[in-house]
Protein backbone atom coordinates (compact mmCIF):
# COMPACT_ATOMS: atom_id res chain seq x y z
CA UNK A 1 78.92 120.16 108.94
CA UNK A 2 77.22 120.21 105.40
CA UNK A 3 74.11 121.34 107.29
CA UNK A 4 75.74 124.64 108.23
CA UNK A 5 77.34 125.23 104.82
CA UNK A 6 73.91 125.99 103.55
CA UNK A 7 72.83 129.69 103.15
CA UNK A 8 69.19 128.75 103.76
CA UNK A 9 67.71 126.45 106.49
CA UNK A 10 64.27 124.66 106.85
CA UNK A 11 62.79 126.00 109.88
CA UNK A 12 60.20 123.73 111.45
CA UNK A 13 57.95 124.77 114.42
CA UNK A 14 57.78 121.83 116.90
CA UNK A 15 54.92 122.59 119.41
CA UNK A 16 55.91 121.47 122.97
CA UNK A 17 59.33 120.52 122.02
CA UNK A 18 60.95 118.40 124.90
CA UNK A 19 57.44 118.53 126.66
CA UNK A 20 57.70 117.43 130.28
CA UNK A 21 61.44 117.51 130.48
CA UNK A 22 61.40 120.55 132.74
CA UNK A 23 58.88 119.03 135.11
CA UNK A 24 60.79 115.80 135.18
CA UNK A 25 64.16 117.68 135.74
CA UNK A 26 62.49 119.78 138.58
CA UNK A 27 61.04 116.76 140.16
CA UNK A 28 64.33 114.92 140.10
CA UNK A 29 66.18 118.04 141.29
CA UNK A 30 63.88 118.23 144.31
CA UNK A 31 65.46 115.24 145.79
CA UNK A 32 68.75 117.06 146.23
CA UNK A 33 69.46 117.89 149.81
CA UNK A 34 71.31 121.23 148.78
CA UNK A 35 73.73 120.77 151.84
CA UNK A 36 76.33 122.85 150.25
CA UNK A 37 74.13 125.67 149.34
CA UNK A 38 72.56 125.67 152.96
CA UNK A 39 76.03 125.66 154.49
CA UNK A 40 77.07 128.75 152.25
CA UNK A 41 73.85 130.62 153.64
CA UNK A 42 74.31 129.70 157.20
CA UNK A 43 74.86 132.87 159.13
CA UNK A 44 73.98 135.03 156.11
CA UNK A 45 70.45 134.20 155.69
CA UNK A 46 69.39 137.88 154.60
CA UNK A 47 71.83 137.49 151.47
CA UNK A 48 70.40 135.04 149.28
CA UNK A 49 67.66 136.14 146.80
CA UNK A 50 64.00 135.33 147.66
CA UNK A 51 64.15 132.67 144.82
CA UNK A 52 67.27 131.05 146.09
CA UNK A 53 65.85 131.27 149.78
CA UNK A 54 62.64 129.48 148.69
CA UNK A 55 64.84 126.84 147.04
CA UNK A 56 66.95 126.21 150.29
CA UNK A 57 63.79 126.20 152.41
CA UNK A 58 61.75 123.84 150.29
CA UNK A 59 61.03 120.43 151.78
CA UNK A 60 62.41 117.31 150.01
CA UNK A 61 59.92 114.81 148.92
CA UNK A 62 59.75 111.24 150.53
CA UNK A 63 62.72 109.11 149.16
CA UNK A 64 60.26 106.09 148.39
CA UNK A 65 59.02 108.11 145.24
CA UNK A 66 62.68 108.84 144.00
CA UNK A 67 62.55 105.68 141.72
CA UNK A 68 59.40 106.91 140.17
CA UNK A 69 60.96 110.36 139.49
CA UNK A 70 64.06 108.75 137.98
CA UNK A 71 62.03 106.70 135.63
CA UNK A 72 60.05 109.62 134.38
CA UNK A 73 63.24 111.56 133.92
CA UNK A 74 64.66 108.70 131.84
CA UNK A 75 61.52 108.58 129.79
CA UNK A 76 61.53 112.17 129.06
CA UNK A 77 65.32 112.13 128.32
CA UNK A 78 64.64 109.33 125.73
CA UNK A 79 61.73 111.19 124.24
CA UNK A 80 63.93 114.33 123.83
CA UNK A 81 66.90 112.34 122.20
CA UNK A 82 64.28 111.03 119.78
CA UNK A 83 63.28 114.59 118.85
CA UNK A 84 66.98 115.39 118.26
CA UNK A 85 67.36 112.38 115.98
CA UNK A 86 64.57 113.81 113.80
CA UNK A 87 65.69 117.41 113.95
CA UNK A 88 69.49 118.05 113.94
CA UNK A 89 69.38 121.48 115.71
CA UNK A 90 66.86 123.09 117.93
CA UNK A 91 66.48 126.81 119.00
CA UNK A 92 64.68 127.49 122.04
CA UNK A 93 64.55 130.80 124.09
CA UNK A 94 66.72 131.15 127.15
CA UNK A 95 64.05 133.08 128.73
CA UNK A 96 60.56 134.15 127.57
CA UNK A 97 61.55 137.67 127.86
CA UNK A 98 64.54 140.26 127.90
CA UNK A 99 66.86 140.04 130.83
CA UNK A 100 65.59 141.05 134.23
CA UNK A 101 67.09 141.21 137.73
CA UNK A 102 67.02 137.76 139.54
CA UNK A 103 64.37 138.66 141.96
CA UNK A 104 62.51 140.91 139.57
CA UNK A 105 59.20 139.52 137.84
CA UNK A 106 58.31 139.46 134.21
CA UNK A 107 54.87 139.06 132.67
CA UNK A 108 54.70 136.98 129.74
CA UNK A 109 51.24 136.35 128.01
CA UNK A 110 49.54 137.45 131.26
CA UNK A 111 51.36 135.28 133.63
CA UNK A 112 54.00 136.60 135.99
CA UNK A 113 57.12 134.63 136.24
CA UNK A 114 60.42 135.35 138.12
CA UNK A 115 63.82 133.53 138.87
CA UNK A 116 64.18 129.99 137.67
CA UNK A 117 60.63 130.04 136.09
CA UNK A 118 61.89 132.38 133.60
CA UNK A 119 64.63 130.11 132.19
CA UNK A 120 62.56 126.81 132.24
CA UNK A 121 63.50 125.91 128.78
CA UNK A 122 67.11 125.59 130.23
CA UNK A 123 66.22 123.15 132.89
CA UNK A 124 64.37 121.14 130.05
CA UNK A 125 67.55 120.93 128.12
CA UNK A 126 69.61 120.24 131.25
CA UNK A 127 67.81 117.07 131.66
CA UNK A 128 68.82 115.79 128.12
CA UNK A 129 72.49 116.14 128.83
CA UNK A 130 73.16 117.36 125.30
CA UNK A 131 75.49 120.04 123.71
CA UNK A 132 73.87 123.44 124.00
CA UNK A 133 75.03 127.05 123.63
CA UNK A 134 73.20 130.16 124.81
CA UNK A 135 73.80 133.31 122.66
CA UNK A 136 72.37 136.68 122.41
CA UNK A 137 70.42 136.85 119.23
CA UNK A 138 68.85 140.43 119.28
CA UNK A 139 68.50 143.23 121.72
CA UNK A 140 65.29 145.14 122.94
CA UNK A 141 64.97 148.86 122.27
CA UNK A 142 66.54 149.43 125.52
CA UNK A 143 69.52 147.24 124.67
CA UNK A 144 68.71 144.12 126.86
CA UNK A 145 69.67 140.97 125.32
CA UNK A 146 67.19 138.47 123.96
CA UNK A 147 68.96 135.12 123.87
CA UNK A 148 68.34 131.76 122.29
CA UNK A 149 69.64 128.34 123.07
CA UNK A 150 71.19 126.21 120.20
CA UNK A 151 70.61 122.49 120.99
CA UNK A 152 72.43 119.69 119.26
CA UNK A 153 72.33 116.00 119.63
CA UNK A 154 74.73 114.10 121.85
CA UNK A 155 78.28 114.39 120.81
CA UNK A 156 77.48 117.09 118.13
CA UNK A 157 79.10 120.04 119.93
CA UNK A 158 80.45 121.24 116.58
CA UNK A 159 76.95 121.74 115.22
CA UNK A 160 75.73 123.81 118.23
CA UNK A 161 78.97 125.89 118.11
CA UNK A 162 78.84 126.34 114.36
CA UNK A 163 75.18 127.55 114.42
CA UNK A 164 75.88 129.78 117.34
CA UNK A 165 78.71 131.43 115.47
CA UNK A 166 76.22 131.94 112.51
CA UNK A 167 73.68 133.49 114.69
CA UNK A 168 76.23 135.69 116.25
CA UNK A 169 77.60 136.80 112.88
CA UNK A 170 74.09 137.85 111.86
CA UNK A 171 73.79 140.26 114.67
CA UNK A 172 77.34 141.86 114.00
CA UNK A 173 79.44 139.78 116.61
CA UNK A 174 79.63 140.30 120.23
CA UNK A 175 79.23 143.79 121.40
CA UNK A 176 79.21 145.25 124.94
CA UNK A 177 75.96 146.31 126.00
CA UNK A 178 75.45 150.00 125.94
CA UNK A 179 73.59 149.89 129.31
CA UNK A 180 75.54 149.66 132.62
CA UNK A 181 74.25 149.41 136.27
CA UNK A 182 71.02 147.85 137.34
CA UNK A 183 68.54 146.65 134.70
CA UNK A 184 65.68 149.25 134.25
CA UNK A 185 62.15 148.38 135.00
């Protein structure tokens, strides 16, 4: 709590924060059979987006490598928790760009991304199972939100919420976006 009563914060850049956590999460998730999702899509195959369709149609890896994937995930979680011991709060982007439609692509540093890949930082943090709050921190010239994740150590929800409240107050508080309808290209 004393950390958030300060007017100034020390900001430290941590290159490749939580490195490998997203890949470990993705690998572990690939073992899910997605039976509920497949059942929901049955008979309505044209409705899911291309990204969801690819997820449903992707083959599961052989179960004999599940133990290895679980071990890697535990290692990456342990490393990430160690980073949170050293640094009490992390700010990461929710996506590497402003909001886009789910099946739309965005180009970031010359690389094209879409769907789940745009929110890779979120999947990395999901592996850690720690408190996190996503909050709009700014807007583009066209009014689209640019959001950050506030990540706190285990059982420190109050820190994540307090920092999110501070970030929100700096931007004037929550405001309804001026834009309505489909997201412009």
